[in-house]
Amino acid sequence: MVFWIFGYGSLVWNFGFQYDEKVIGYIKDYKRVFDLACIDHRGTPEHPARTCTLEYSEGTLCWGAAYCVRGGPEIEAAAMQYLERRECEYDHKITVDFYKEGEDLEPLVTEVIVFMSTPDTVSNKYYLGPAPLDKMAWQIATAIGPCGNNREYLFLLEKALREIDHEDDYVIELANEVRRVLDVVKGATKEKKLVAAPHVTVKDHIPSLQLLPRQETVAMDS
């Protein structure tokens, strides 16, 4: 068995499994949305994070990275087991055409695997659905889980898409709104410091996710 997996979220920069080939490209008729709850990576059950999934949108392109795994049955099985565990909050797995950058006439792969979520809050307990930009930004700015904080996930995605020269306007808009929220929070913190006792120090600490080398274990992420 040889399979291809398309990454449009954290898989773009934090793959975590052994692969044989990585190709930058896109799939058609889908767009990123931050409508999926994450309760064990970037958030908690009490304060879920928002991570991205895909939403059908005719005529749009979603850029990312496709990974080919063809290293033999054991390697392929290990990669798929890792992905199934890592992407457990996605309840839907589809196959679509994947197009390589600069080769738009024919798909490079006709059955690339994509993990996504069913957009139904009844059948899919992890689907949060859309929300106003400011509300999503506040949720992302404040959620923290075992893999790090939610805002870092968003900022790393923004950076990864910039590095492959295919920025996503939606991601940029959401990231800028989160930065605005963080500025508001920092401003409120500074104001509290002015009325606090001189010896009290209030710090705003944003932990960083350590991206490990390929040969080491990589923290799973949505």
N, C-alpha and C. Protein backbone atom coordinates (compact mmCIF):
# COMPACT_ATOMS: atom_id res chain seq x y z
N MET A 1 0.84 -1.21 0.00
CA MET A 1 0.00 0.00 0.00
C MET A 1 0.87 1.25 0.00
N VAL A 2 0.55 2.18 -0.86
CA VAL A 2 1.17 3.50 -0.88
C VAL A 2 0.05 4.51 -0.69
N PHE A 3 0.24 5.46 0.20
CA PHE A 3 -0.82 6.45 0.36
C PHE A 3 -0.24 7.85 0.47
N TRP A 4 -1.09 8.82 0.14
CA TRP A 4 -0.76 10.24 0.27
C TRP A 4 -1.72 10.85 1.27
N ILE A 5 -1.21 11.75 2.10
CA ILE A 5 -2.03 12.46 3.07
C ILE A 5 -1.84 13.96 2.85
N PHE A 6 -2.93 14.71 2.83
CA PHE A 6 -2.87 16.16 2.62
C PHE A 6 -2.99 16.87 3.96
N GLY A 7 -2.03 17.74 4.25
CA GLY A 7 -2.05 18.52 5.47
C GLY A 7 -2.38 19.97 5.18
N TYR A 8 -3.36 20.51 5.90
CA TYR A 8 -3.77 21.90 5.71
C TYR A 8 -3.71 22.68 7.02
N GLY A 9 -3.45 21.97 8.13
CA GLY A 9 -3.32 22.61 9.43
C GLY A 9 -1.92 22.40 9.97
N SER A 10 -1.81 21.83 11.15
CA SER A 10 -0.50 21.65 11.76
C SER A 10 0.38 20.65 11.00
N LEU A 11 -0.23 19.79 10.19
CA LEU A 11 0.58 18.85 9.40
C LEU A 11 1.48 19.58 8.40
N VAL A 12 1.17 20.82 8.08
CA VAL A 12 2.01 21.56 7.15
C VAL A 12 3.41 21.75 7.73
N TRP A 13 3.51 21.97 9.05
CA TRP A 13 4.82 22.22 9.66
C TRP A 13 5.24 21.16 10.68
N ASN A 14 4.30 20.38 11.18
CA ASN A 14 4.59 19.44 12.25
C ASN A 14 4.01 18.08 11.88
N PHE A 15 4.68 17.38 10.98
CA PHE A 15 4.11 16.14 10.43
C PHE A 15 4.13 14.99 11.42
N GLY A 16 5.28 14.70 12.06
CA GLY A 16 5.33 13.72 13.13
C GLY A 16 5.40 12.26 12.71
N PHE A 17 5.49 11.97 11.41
CA PHE A 17 5.58 10.59 10.96
C PHE A 17 6.61 10.50 9.84
N GLN A 18 7.04 9.30 9.55
CA GLN A 18 8.05 9.10 8.50
C GLN A 18 7.37 9.11 7.13
N TYR A 19 7.91 9.90 6.22
CA TYR A 19 7.34 9.95 4.87
C TYR A 19 8.48 9.92 3.85
N ASP A 20 8.12 9.72 2.58
CA ASP A 20 9.12 9.60 1.51
C ASP A 20 9.17 10.82 0.61
N GLU A 21 8.10 11.57 0.55
CA GLU A 21 8.06 12.73 -0.35
C GLU A 21 7.07 13.75 0.18
N LYS A 22 7.44 15.02 0.09
CA LYS A 22 6.55 16.11 0.47
C LYS A 22 6.40 17.05 -0.71
N VAL A 23 5.15 17.39 -1.04
CA VAL A 23 4.88 18.22 -2.21
C VAL A 23 3.94 19.36 -1.80
N ILE A 24 4.30 20.58 -2.17
CA ILE A 24 3.43 21.73 -1.93
C ILE A 24 2.39 21.80 -3.05
N GLY A 25 1.15 22.01 -2.67
CA GLY A 25 0.10 22.07 -3.68
C GLY A 25 -1.25 22.39 -3.04
N TYR A 26 -2.31 22.01 -3.71
CA TYR A 26 -3.64 22.40 -3.24
C TYR A 26 -4.69 21.37 -3.60
N ILE A 27 -5.83 21.47 -2.92
CA ILE A 27 -7.02 20.73 -3.30
C ILE A 27 -8.09 21.76 -3.65
N LYS A 28 -9.06 21.35 -4.44
CA LYS A 28 -10.08 22.27 -4.92
C LYS A 28 -11.38 22.14 -4.12
N ASP A 29 -12.12 23.27 -4.09
CA ASP A 29 -13.48 23.32 -3.56
C ASP A 29 -13.58 23.14 -2.04
N TYR A 30 -12.49 23.42 -1.33
CA TYR A 30 -12.52 23.40 0.13
C TYR A 30 -11.75 24.60 0.67
N LYS A 31 -12.19 25.08 1.83
CA LYS A 31 -11.50 26.19 2.49
C LYS A 31 -11.33 25.87 3.98
N ARG A 32 -10.31 26.49 4.59
CA ARG A 32 -10.09 26.33 6.03
C ARG A 32 -11.11 27.13 6.82
N VAL A 33 -11.55 26.53 7.92
CA VAL A 33 -12.37 27.24 8.90
C VAL A 33 -11.94 26.79 10.29
N PHE A 34 -11.97 27.69 11.24
CA PHE A 34 -11.59 27.34 12.61
C PHE A 34 -12.84 26.99 13.40
N ASP A 35 -13.48 25.90 13.01
CA ASP A 35 -14.77 25.51 13.58
C ASP A 35 -14.71 24.21 14.38
N LEU A 36 -13.51 23.68 14.59
CA LEU A 36 -13.38 22.40 15.28
C LEU A 36 -12.82 22.58 16.68
N ALA A 37 -13.44 21.92 17.66
CA ALA A 37 -12.96 21.98 19.03
C ALA A 37 -11.77 21.05 19.22
N CYS A 38 -10.81 21.50 20.00
CA CYS A 38 -9.66 20.69 20.39
C CYS A 38 -9.59 20.70 21.91
N ILE A 39 -9.74 19.51 22.53
CA ILE A 39 -9.82 19.46 24.00
C ILE A 39 -8.64 18.74 24.63
N ASP A 40 -7.69 18.23 23.80
CA ASP A 40 -6.58 17.48 24.39
C ASP A 40 -5.22 17.87 23.84
N HIS A 41 -5.16 18.79 22.88
CA HIS A 41 -3.89 19.26 22.33
C HIS A 41 -3.65 20.73 22.67
N ARG A 42 -4.56 21.57 22.18
CA ARG A 42 -4.42 23.03 22.35
C ARG A 42 -5.47 23.61 23.27
N GLY A 43 -6.28 22.76 23.85
CA GLY A 43 -7.32 23.22 24.75
C GLY A 43 -7.67 22.14 25.75
N THR A 44 -8.73 22.34 26.50
CA THR A 44 -9.21 21.38 27.49
C THR A 44 -10.71 21.23 27.33
N PRO A 45 -11.31 20.19 27.93
CA PRO A 45 -12.77 20.06 27.86
C PRO A 45 -13.49 21.28 28.42
N GLU A 46 -12.89 21.90 29.45
CA GLU A 46 -13.51 23.08 30.07
C GLU A 46 -13.34 24.33 29.21
N HIS A 47 -12.24 24.41 28.49
CA HIS A 47 -11.96 25.56 27.64
C HIS A 47 -11.38 25.06 26.32
N PRO A 48 -12.23 24.58 25.42
CA PRO A 48 -11.74 24.02 24.16
C PRO A 48 -11.07 25.06 23.28
N ALA A 49 -10.05 24.60 22.59
CA ALA A 49 -9.40 25.45 21.59
C ALA A 49 -10.19 25.38 20.29
N ARG A 50 -9.83 26.27 19.38
CA ARG A 50 -10.38 26.20 18.03
C ARG A 50 -9.25 25.87 17.07
N THR A 51 -9.41 24.78 16.33
CA THR A 51 -8.45 24.41 15.30
C THR A 51 -9.17 24.30 13.97
N CYS A 52 -8.40 24.18 12.91
CA CYS A 52 -9.05 24.27 11.61
C CYS A 52 -9.49 22.92 11.06
N THR A 53 -10.57 22.98 10.33
CA THR A 53 -11.06 21.87 9.54
C THR A 53 -11.38 22.43 8.17
N LEU A 54 -11.98 21.62 7.31
CA LEU A 54 -12.31 22.08 5.97
C LEU A 54 -13.82 22.22 5.80
N GLU A 55 -14.19 23.17 4.99
CA GLU A 55 -15.59 23.39 4.65
C GLU A 55 -15.71 23.44 3.12
N TYR A 56 -16.71 22.75 2.59
CA TYR A 56 -16.88 22.75 1.15
C TYR A 56 -17.19 24.16 0.66
N SER A 57 -16.48 24.59 -0.36
CA SER A 57 -16.66 25.93 -0.91
C SER A 57 -16.28 25.89 -2.39
N GLU A 58 -17.28 25.78 -3.21
CA GLU A 58 -17.05 25.59 -4.65
C GLU A 58 -16.20 26.73 -5.23
N GLY A 59 -15.20 26.35 -6.00
CA GLY A 59 -14.37 27.33 -6.69
C GLY A 59 -13.17 27.81 -5.91
N THR A 60 -13.03 27.40 -4.65
CA THR A 60 -11.89 27.84 -3.84
C THR A 60 -10.76 26.81 -3.89
N LEU A 61 -9.57 27.25 -3.50
CA LEU A 61 -8.41 26.38 -3.40
C LEU A 61 -7.90 26.40 -1.97
N CYS A 62 -7.49 25.25 -1.47
CA CYS A 62 -6.87 25.17 -0.15
C CYS A 62 -5.45 24.66 -0.34
N TRP A 63 -4.48 25.52 -0.04
CA TRP A 63 -3.07 25.18 -0.19
C TRP A 63 -2.54 24.50 1.06
N GLY A 64 -1.60 23.60 0.85
CA GLY A 64 -0.98 22.91 1.96
C GLY A 64 0.13 22.02 1.46
N ALA A 65 0.35 20.91 2.15
CA ALA A 65 1.42 19.98 1.79
C ALA A 65 0.88 18.56 1.77
N ALA A 66 1.26 17.82 0.74
CA ALA A 66 0.89 16.42 0.63
C ALA A 66 2.12 15.56 0.90
N TYR A 67 1.94 14.51 1.68
CA TYR A 67 3.03 13.62 2.04
C TYR A 67 2.76 12.24 1.47
N CYS A 68 3.78 11.67 0.85
CA CYS A 68 3.68 10.32 0.30
C CYS A 68 4.41 9.35 1.23
N VAL A 69 3.72 8.27 1.59
CA VAL A 69 4.32 7.23 2.42
C VAL A 69 4.34 5.94 1.61
N ARG A 70 5.53 5.48 1.30
CA ARG A 70 5.66 4.27 0.50
C ARG A 70 6.82 3.40 0.99
N GLY A 71 7.13 3.49 2.26
CA GLY A 71 8.32 2.81 2.78
C GLY A 71 8.14 1.36 3.14
N GLY A 72 7.03 0.73 2.75
CA GLY A 72 6.80 -0.66 3.11
C GLY A 72 5.63 -0.78 4.07
N PRO A 73 5.07 -1.99 4.21
CA PRO A 73 3.87 -2.20 5.02
C PRO A 73 3.99 -1.71 6.46
N GLU A 74 5.11 -1.97 7.12
CA GLU A 74 5.25 -1.58 8.52
C GLU A 74 5.28 -0.06 8.69
N ILE A 75 6.05 0.60 7.84
CA ILE A 75 6.14 2.07 7.91
C ILE A 75 4.80 2.70 7.57
N GLU A 76 4.15 2.17 6.54
CA GLU A 76 2.85 2.72 6.13
C GLU A 76 1.80 2.51 7.21
N ALA A 77 1.79 1.34 7.83
CA ALA A 77 0.83 1.07 8.90
C ALA A 77 1.10 1.96 10.11
N ALA A 78 2.37 2.15 10.44
CA ALA A 78 2.73 3.00 11.58
C ALA A 78 2.31 4.44 11.34
N ALA A 79 2.52 4.93 10.11
CA ALA A 79 2.14 6.31 9.78
C ALA A 79 0.63 6.49 9.88
N MET A 80 -0.14 5.53 9.35
CA MET A 80 -1.59 5.66 9.40
C MET A 80 -2.12 5.54 10.82
N GLN A 81 -1.54 4.65 11.63
CA GLN A 81 -1.96 4.54 13.02
C GLN A 81 -1.70 5.85 13.77
N TYR A 82 -0.54 6.45 13.50
CA TYR A 82 -0.21 7.74 14.12
C TYR A 82 -1.22 8.81 13.72
N LEU A 83 -1.53 8.86 12.43
CA LEU A 83 -2.47 9.87 11.93
C LEU A 83 -3.88 9.67 12.49
N GLU A 84 -4.32 8.41 12.55
CA GLU A 84 -5.65 8.12 13.09
C GLU A 84 -5.74 8.57 14.56
N ARG A 85 -4.67 8.37 15.30
CA ARG A 85 -4.65 8.77 16.71
C ARG A 85 -4.59 10.29 16.84
N ARG A 86 -3.72 10.89 16.04
CA ARG A 86 -3.53 12.34 16.09
C ARG A 86 -4.78 13.09 15.64
N GLU A 87 -5.44 12.60 14.62
CA GLU A 87 -6.58 13.29 14.03
C GLU A 87 -7.90 12.76 14.57
N CYS A 88 -7.89 12.27 15.81
CA CYS A 88 -9.08 11.61 16.36
C CYS A 88 -10.29 12.54 16.48
N GLU A 89 -10.06 13.84 16.51
CA GLU A 89 -11.18 14.77 16.63
C GLU A 89 -11.85 15.05 15.28
N TYR A 90 -11.23 14.54 14.21
CA TYR A 90 -11.85 14.62 12.88
C TYR A 90 -12.59 13.32 12.63
N ASP A 91 -13.88 13.40 12.37
CA ASP A 91 -14.70 12.19 12.26
C ASP A 91 -14.96 11.77 10.82
N HIS A 92 -14.32 12.43 9.88
CA HIS A 92 -14.61 12.17 8.47
C HIS A 92 -13.29 12.12 7.71
N LYS A 93 -13.10 11.09 6.91
CA LYS A 93 -11.89 10.94 6.11
C LYS A 93 -12.31 10.77 4.65
N ILE A 94 -11.81 11.65 3.79
CA ILE A 94 -12.19 11.62 2.39
C ILE A 94 -10.94 11.50 1.52
N THR A 95 -11.14 11.23 0.25
CA THR A 95 -10.05 11.27 -0.72
C THR A 95 -10.43 12.25 -1.83
N VAL A 96 -9.48 13.08 -2.20
CA VAL A 96 -9.73 14.11 -3.21
C VAL A 96 -8.52 14.20 -4.14
N ASP A 97 -8.68 14.97 -5.21
CA ASP A 97 -7.57 15.22 -6.12
C ASP A 97 -6.63 16.25 -5.51
N PHE A 98 -5.34 16.02 -5.69
CA PHE A 98 -4.32 16.95 -5.21
C PHE A 98 -3.51 17.44 -6.40
N TYR A 99 -3.33 18.77 -6.46
CA TYR A 99 -2.61 19.39 -7.56
C TYR A 99 -1.28 19.96 -7.07
N LYS A 100 -0.25 19.66 -7.79
CA LYS A 100 1.07 20.17 -7.46
C LYS A 100 1.21 21.60 -7.96
N GLU A 101 1.92 22.41 -7.20
CA GLU A 101 2.12 23.80 -7.58
C GLU A 101 2.79 23.88 -8.95
N GLY A 102 2.20 24.68 -9.83
CA GLY A 102 2.75 24.86 -11.16
C GLY A 102 2.29 23.83 -12.18
N GLU A 103 1.53 22.84 -11.75
CA GLU A 103 1.02 21.81 -12.65
C GLU A 103 -0.49 21.70 -12.45
N ASP A 104 -1.23 22.63 -13.05
CA ASP A 104 -2.64 22.79 -12.75
C ASP A 104 -3.59 21.99 -13.65
N LEU A 105 -3.09 21.43 -14.73
CA LEU A 105 -4.00 20.77 -15.69
C LEU A 105 -4.45 19.40 -15.22
N GLU A 106 -3.57 18.64 -14.61
CA GLU A 106 -3.89 17.30 -14.15
C GLU A 106 -3.46 17.14 -12.70
N PRO A 107 -4.26 16.43 -11.90
CA PRO A 107 -3.85 16.22 -10.49
C PRO A 107 -2.62 15.33 -10.39
N LEU A 108 -1.79 15.64 -9.43
CA LEU A 108 -0.63 14.79 -9.17
C LEU A 108 -1.08 13.48 -8.53
N VAL A 109 -2.07 13.57 -7.65
CA VAL A 109 -2.62 12.41 -6.97
C VAL A 109 -4.13 12.49 -7.03
N THR A 110 -4.78 11.39 -7.36
CA THR A 110 -6.25 11.41 -7.48
C THR A 110 -6.96 10.95 -6.22
N GLU A 111 -6.24 10.39 -5.29
CA GLU A 111 -6.87 9.92 -4.05
C GLU A 111 -6.00 10.26 -2.84
N VAL A 112 -5.74 11.54 -2.63
CA VAL A 112 -5.02 11.94 -1.43
C VAL A 112 -6.00 11.93 -0.26
N ILE A 113 -5.55 11.42 0.89
CA ILE A 113 -6.41 11.32 2.07
C ILE A 113 -6.45 12.65 2.80
N VAL A 114 -7.63 13.05 3.22
CA VAL A 114 -7.81 14.29 3.97
C VAL A 114 -8.69 14.01 5.18
N PHE A 115 -8.22 14.40 6.36
CA PHE A 115 -9.03 14.30 7.57
C PHE A 115 -9.80 15.61 7.74
N MET A 116 -11.09 15.51 7.99
CA MET A 116 -11.91 16.69 8.22
C MET A 116 -13.07 16.31 9.14
N SER A 117 -13.89 17.27 9.46
CA SER A 117 -14.97 17.01 10.40
C SER A 117 -16.33 17.21 9.74
N THR A 118 -17.29 16.44 10.22
CA THR A 118 -18.68 16.60 9.78
C THR A 118 -19.23 17.89 10.38
N PRO A 119 -19.75 18.81 9.56
CA PRO A 119 -20.24 20.09 10.09
C PRO A 119 -21.63 19.97 10.71
N ASP A 120 -21.71 19.22 11.79
CA ASP A 120 -22.99 18.98 12.45
C ASP A 120 -22.74 18.85 13.95
N THR A 121 -23.27 19.77 14.72
CA THR A 121 -23.03 19.77 16.16
C THR A 121 -23.73 18.62 16.88
N VAL A 122 -24.68 17.97 16.21
CA VAL A 122 -25.40 16.86 16.82
C VAL A 122 -24.62 15.56 16.65
N SER A 123 -24.20 15.27 15.42
CA SER A 123 -23.51 14.01 15.15
C SER A 123 -22.01 14.08 15.46
N ASN A 124 -21.46 15.28 15.50
CA ASN A 124 -20.02 15.45 15.74
C ASN A 124 -19.83 16.32 16.98
N LYS A 125 -19.44 15.70 18.08
CA LYS A 125 -19.32 16.43 19.35
C LYS A 125 -18.20 17.45 19.34
N TYR A 126 -17.26 17.33 18.40
CA TYR A 126 -16.13 18.26 18.34
C TYR A 126 -16.40 19.46 17.43
N TYR A 127 -17.50 19.43 16.70
CA TYR A 127 -17.77 20.54 15.78
C TYR A 127 -18.40 21.70 16.53
N LEU A 128 -17.70 22.83 16.54
CA LEU A 128 -18.21 24.02 17.23
C LEU A 128 -19.09 24.87 16.33
N GLY A 129 -18.78 24.85 15.04
CA GLY A 129 -19.50 25.71 14.11
C GLY A 129 -18.90 27.09 14.06
N PRO A 130 -19.38 27.91 13.13
CA PRO A 130 -18.85 29.26 12.99
C PRO A 130 -19.24 30.16 14.15
N ALA A 131 -18.50 31.24 14.29
CA ALA A 131 -18.77 32.25 15.32
C ALA A 131 -18.24 33.58 14.82
N PRO A 132 -18.69 34.69 15.38
CA PRO A 132 -18.14 36.00 15.00
C PRO A 132 -16.63 36.02 15.21
N LEU A 133 -15.94 36.76 14.37
CA LEU A 133 -14.48 36.81 14.41
C LEU A 133 -13.95 37.19 15.78
N ASP A 134 -14.56 38.18 16.43
CA ASP A 134 -14.05 38.62 17.73
C ASP A 134 -14.21 37.55 18.80
N LYS A 135 -15.28 36.78 18.74
CA LYS A 135 -15.49 35.71 19.72
C LYS A 135 -14.50 34.57 19.50
N MET A 136 -14.26 34.21 18.24
CA MET A 136 -13.27 33.18 17.96
C MET A 136 -11.89 33.62 18.43
N ALA A 137 -11.58 34.89 18.21
CA ALA A 137 -10.27 35.41 18.59
C ALA A 137 -10.07 35.35 20.10
N TRP A 138 -11.08 35.70 20.88
CA TRP A 138 -10.95 35.63 22.34
C TRP A 138 -10.76 34.18 22.79
N GLN A 139 -11.48 33.26 22.18
CA GLN A 139 -11.33 31.86 22.54
C GLN A 139 -9.93 31.35 22.22
N ILE A 140 -9.43 31.69 21.03
CA ILE A 140 -8.10 31.26 20.61
C ILE A 140 -7.02 31.91 21.46
N ALA A 141 -7.22 33.16 21.82
CA ALA A 141 -6.21 33.89 22.59
C ALA A 141 -6.03 33.34 24.00
N THR A 142 -7.04 32.66 24.52
CA THR A 142 -7.00 32.26 25.93
C THR A 142 -6.94 30.76 26.17
N ALA A 143 -7.17 29.94 25.15
CA ALA A 143 -7.17 28.48 25.34
C ALA A 143 -5.74 27.94 25.40
N ILE A 144 -5.51 26.99 26.32
CA ILE A 144 -4.21 26.35 26.49
C ILE A 144 -4.42 24.86 26.75
N GLY A 145 -3.57 24.03 26.14
CA GLY A 145 -3.65 22.59 26.33
C GLY A 145 -2.28 21.97 26.47
N PRO A 146 -2.21 20.63 26.49
CA PRO A 146 -0.92 19.92 26.69
C PRO A 146 0.12 20.22 25.62
N CYS A 147 -0.29 20.52 24.40
CA CYS A 147 0.67 20.80 23.32
C CYS A 147 1.04 22.27 23.22
N GLY A 148 0.44 23.09 24.05
CA GLY A 148 0.72 24.52 23.98
C GLY A 148 -0.56 25.31 23.91
N ASN A 149 -0.42 26.61 23.67
CA ASN A 149 -1.61 27.45 23.62
C ASN A 149 -2.19 27.52 22.21
N ASN A 150 -3.46 27.84 22.17
CA ASN A 150 -4.20 27.86 20.91
C ASN A 150 -3.69 28.93 19.95
N ARG A 151 -3.31 30.09 20.50
CA ARG A 151 -2.86 31.17 19.62
C ARG A 151 -1.59 30.80 18.88
N GLU A 152 -0.72 30.01 19.53
CA GLU A 152 0.51 29.61 18.88
C GLU A 152 0.22 28.71 17.68
N TYR A 153 -0.75 27.84 17.82
CA TYR A 153 -1.19 26.99 16.70
C TYR A 153 -1.56 27.86 15.50
N LEU A 154 -2.36 28.89 15.76
CA LEU A 154 -2.78 29.79 14.69
C LEU A 154 -1.60 30.55 14.09
N PHE A 155 -0.73 31.07 14.94
CA PHE A 155 0.41 31.84 14.44
C PHE A 155 1.39 30.95 13.66
N LEU A 156 1.57 29.71 14.10
CA LEU A 156 2.45 28.79 13.38
C LEU A 156 1.86 28.42 12.03
N LEU A 157 0.54 28.28 11.96
CA LEU A 157 -0.11 28.02 10.68
C LEU A 157 0.06 29.21 9.74
N GLU A 158 -0.14 30.40 10.26
CA GLU A 158 0.06 31.61 9.47
C GLU A 158 1.48 31.66 8.91
N LYS A 159 2.45 31.36 9.75
CA LYS A 159 3.86 31.38 9.36
C LYS A 159 4.16 30.30 8.32
N ALA A 160 3.63 29.10 8.53
CA ALA A 160 3.89 27.99 7.62
C ALA A 160 3.34 28.28 6.22
N LEU A 161 2.16 28.88 6.15
CA LEU A 161 1.57 29.22 4.85
C LEU A 161 2.35 30.34 4.17
N ARG A 162 2.86 31.27 4.97
CA ARG A 162 3.69 32.33 4.40
C ARG A 162 4.98 31.74 3.83
N GLU A 163 5.54 30.76 4.52
CA GLU A 163 6.80 30.17 4.07
C GLU A 163 6.66 29.34 2.80
N ILE A 164 5.45 28.82 2.52
CA ILE A 164 5.25 28.12 1.26
C ILE A 164 4.67 29.06 0.19
N ASP A 165 4.64 30.37 0.52
CA ASP A 165 4.20 31.41 -0.42
C ASP A 165 2.73 31.29 -0.81
N HIS A 166 1.90 30.84 0.13
CA HIS A 166 0.46 30.74 -0.14
C HIS A 166 -0.31 31.10 1.12
N GLU A 167 -0.27 32.38 1.46
CA GLU A 167 -0.96 32.86 2.65
C GLU A 167 -2.48 32.75 2.46
N ASP A 168 -3.16 32.56 3.57
CA ASP A 168 -4.61 32.42 3.59
C ASP A 168 -5.18 33.68 4.24
N ASP A 169 -5.97 34.44 3.49
CA ASP A 169 -6.51 35.70 4.01
C ASP A 169 -7.33 35.50 5.28
N TYR A 170 -8.06 34.40 5.34
CA TYR A 170 -8.88 34.11 6.52
C TYR A 170 -8.00 33.88 7.75
N VAL A 171 -6.92 33.14 7.57
CA VAL A 171 -5.99 32.87 8.67
C VAL A 171 -5.33 34.17 9.12
N ILE A 172 -4.93 35.00 8.18
CA ILE A 172 -4.29 36.28 8.51
C ILE A 172 -5.26 37.18 9.28
N GLU A 173 -6.50 37.26 8.83
CA GLU A 173 -7.49 38.11 9.50
C GLU A 173 -7.73 37.63 10.93
N LEU A 174 -7.85 36.31 11.10
CA LEU A 174 -8.08 35.78 12.43
C LEU A 174 -6.86 35.98 13.33
N ALA A 175 -5.68 35.78 12.78
CA ALA A 175 -4.45 35.98 13.56
C ALA A 175 -4.30 37.43 14.00
N ASN A 176 -4.62 38.36 13.13
CA ASN A 176 -4.53 39.78 13.48
C ASN A 176 -5.54 40.15 14.56
N GLU A 177 -6.72 39.52 14.52
CA GLU A 177 -7.72 39.79 15.55
C GLU A 177 -7.26 39.22 16.90
N VAL A 178 -6.61 38.06 16.88
CA VAL A 178 -6.07 37.49 18.11
C VAL A 178 -4.98 38.40 18.68
N ARG A 179 -4.15 38.96 17.82
CA ARG A 179 -3.12 39.90 18.28
C ARG A 179 -3.76 41.12 18.93
N ARG A 180 -4.86 41.57 18.36
CA ARG A 180 -5.56 42.72 18.94
C ARG A 180 -6.08 42.37 20.33
N VAL A 181 -6.62 41.18 20.48
CA VAL A 181 -7.10 40.72 21.78
C VAL A 181 -5.95 40.66 22.78
N LEU A 182 -4.82 40.13 22.35
CA LEU A 182 -3.66 40.04 23.24
C LEU A 182 -3.18 41.43 23.66
N ASP A 183 -3.25 42.39 22.76
CA ASP A 183 -2.88 43.77 23.10
C ASP A 183 -3.82 44.33 24.16
N VAL A 184 -5.11 44.02 24.03
CA VAL A 184 -6.09 44.48 25.01
C VAL A 184 -5.80 43.86 26.37
N VAL A 185 -5.51 42.55 26.37
CA VAL A 185 -5.21 41.86 27.63
C VAL A 185 -3.95 42.43 28.27
N LYS A 186 -2.93 42.67 27.45
CA LYS A 186 -1.68 43.23 27.99
C LYS A 186 -1.90 44.63 28.54
N GLY A 187 -2.75 45.39 27.85
CA GLY A 187 -3.05 46.73 28.33
C GLY A 187 -3.74 46.70 29.68
N ALA A 188 -4.68 45.76 29.86
CA ALA A 188 -5.38 45.62 31.13
C ALA A 188 -4.42 45.16 32.22
N THR A 189 -3.48 44.29 31.86
CA THR A 189 -2.49 43.81 32.83
C THR A 189 -1.61 44.95 33.31
N LYS A 190 -1.17 45.82 32.38
CA LYS A 190 -0.34 46.97 32.75
C LYS A 190 -1.09 47.91 33.67
N GLU A 191 -2.38 48.07 33.40
CA GLU A 191 -3.19 48.96 34.24
C GLU A 191 -3.29 48.41 35.65
N LYS A 192 -3.43 47.08 35.76
CA LYS A 192 -3.49 46.47 37.09
C LYS A 192 -2.17 46.64 37.83
N LYS A 193 -1.07 46.57 37.09
CA LYS A 193 0.24 46.72 37.73
C LYS A 193 0.41 48.11 38.35
N LEU A 194 -0.21 49.11 37.74
CA LEU A 194 -0.08 50.48 38.24
C LEU A 194 -0.72 50.65 39.60
N VAL A 195 -1.78 49.87 39.87
CA VAL A 195 -2.48 50.02 41.14
C VAL A 195 -2.06 48.95 42.14
N ALA A 196 -1.20 48.01 41.69
CA ALA A 196 -0.74 46.94 42.59
C ALA A 196 0.40 47.45 43.46
N ALA A 197 0.71 46.68 44.50
CA ALA A 197 1.85 47.03 45.36
C ALA A 197 3.13 46.99 44.54
N PRO A 198 4.10 47.84 44.87
CA PRO A 198 5.33 47.94 44.07
C PRO A 198 6.07 46.62 43.89
N HIS A 199 5.98 45.73 44.90
CA HIS A 199 6.75 44.49 44.82
C HIS A 199 6.04 43.40 44.01
N VAL A 200 4.81 43.65 43.58
CA VAL A 200 4.06 42.63 42.83
C VAL A 200 4.37 42.77 41.35
N THR A 201 4.73 41.67 40.72
CA THR A 201 5.03 41.66 39.28
C THR A 201 4.04 40.76 38.56
N VAL A 202 3.41 41.29 37.57
CA VAL A 202 2.47 40.52 36.76
C VAL A 202 3.08 40.32 35.39
N LYS A 203 3.21 39.08 34.98
CA LYS A 203 3.83 38.79 33.68
C LYS A 203 2.83 38.08 32.78
N ASP A 204 2.93 38.40 31.52
CA ASP A 204 2.15 37.69 30.51
C ASP A 204 3.09 36.73 29.81
N HIS A 205 2.99 35.45 30.12
CA HIS A 205 3.92 34.46 29.57
C HIS A 205 3.23 33.64 28.51
N ILE A 206 3.80 33.61 27.32
CA ILE A 206 3.28 32.81 26.23
C ILE A 206 4.26 31.68 25.98
N PRO A 207 3.95 30.44 26.37
CA PRO A 207 4.90 29.34 26.18
C PRO A 207 5.08 29.03 24.72
N SER A 208 6.26 28.56 24.36
CA SER A 208 6.57 28.22 22.98
C SER A 208 6.55 26.71 22.78
N LEU A 209 6.01 26.26 21.65
CA LEU A 209 6.03 24.86 21.29
C LEU A 209 7.39 24.51 20.75
N GLN A 210 8.03 23.48 21.30
CA GLN A 210 9.33 23.05 20.83
C GLN A 210 9.14 22.08 19.68
N LEU A 211 9.53 22.48 18.48
CA LEU A 211 9.44 21.61 17.32
C LEU A 211 10.66 20.71 17.30
N LEU A 212 10.46 19.42 17.47
CA LEU A 212 11.55 18.50 17.59
C LEU A 212 12.05 18.04 16.23
N PRO A 213 13.32 17.61 16.14
CA PRO A 213 13.83 17.09 14.87
C PRO A 213 13.03 15.88 14.42
N ARG A 214 13.11 15.58 13.13
CA ARG A 214 12.30 14.54 12.54
C ARG A 214 12.51 13.18 13.20
N GLN A 215 13.76 12.87 13.58
CA GLN A 215 14.03 11.55 14.10
C GLN A 215 13.53 11.35 15.52
N GLU A 216 13.15 12.44 16.20
CA GLU A 216 12.68 12.31 17.56
C GLU A 216 11.16 12.29 17.57
N THR A 217 10.60 11.95 18.71
CA THR A 217 9.16 11.94 18.85
C THR A 217 8.63 13.35 18.75
N VAL A 218 7.60 13.57 17.95
CA VAL A 218 7.00 14.89 17.79
C VAL A 218 5.66 14.91 18.46
N ALA A 219 5.39 15.93 19.25
CA ALA A 219 4.11 16.04 19.95
C ALA A 219 2.99 16.08 18.95
N MET A 220 1.95 15.31 19.23
CA MET A 220 0.80 15.29 18.33
C MET A 220 0.05 16.60 18.44
N ASP A 221 -0.62 16.96 17.38
CA ASP A 221 -1.37 18.19 17.34
C ASP A 221 -2.51 18.01 16.36
N SER A 222 -3.55 18.83 16.50
CA SER A 222 -4.68 18.72 15.59
C SER A 222 -4.38 19.46 14.31
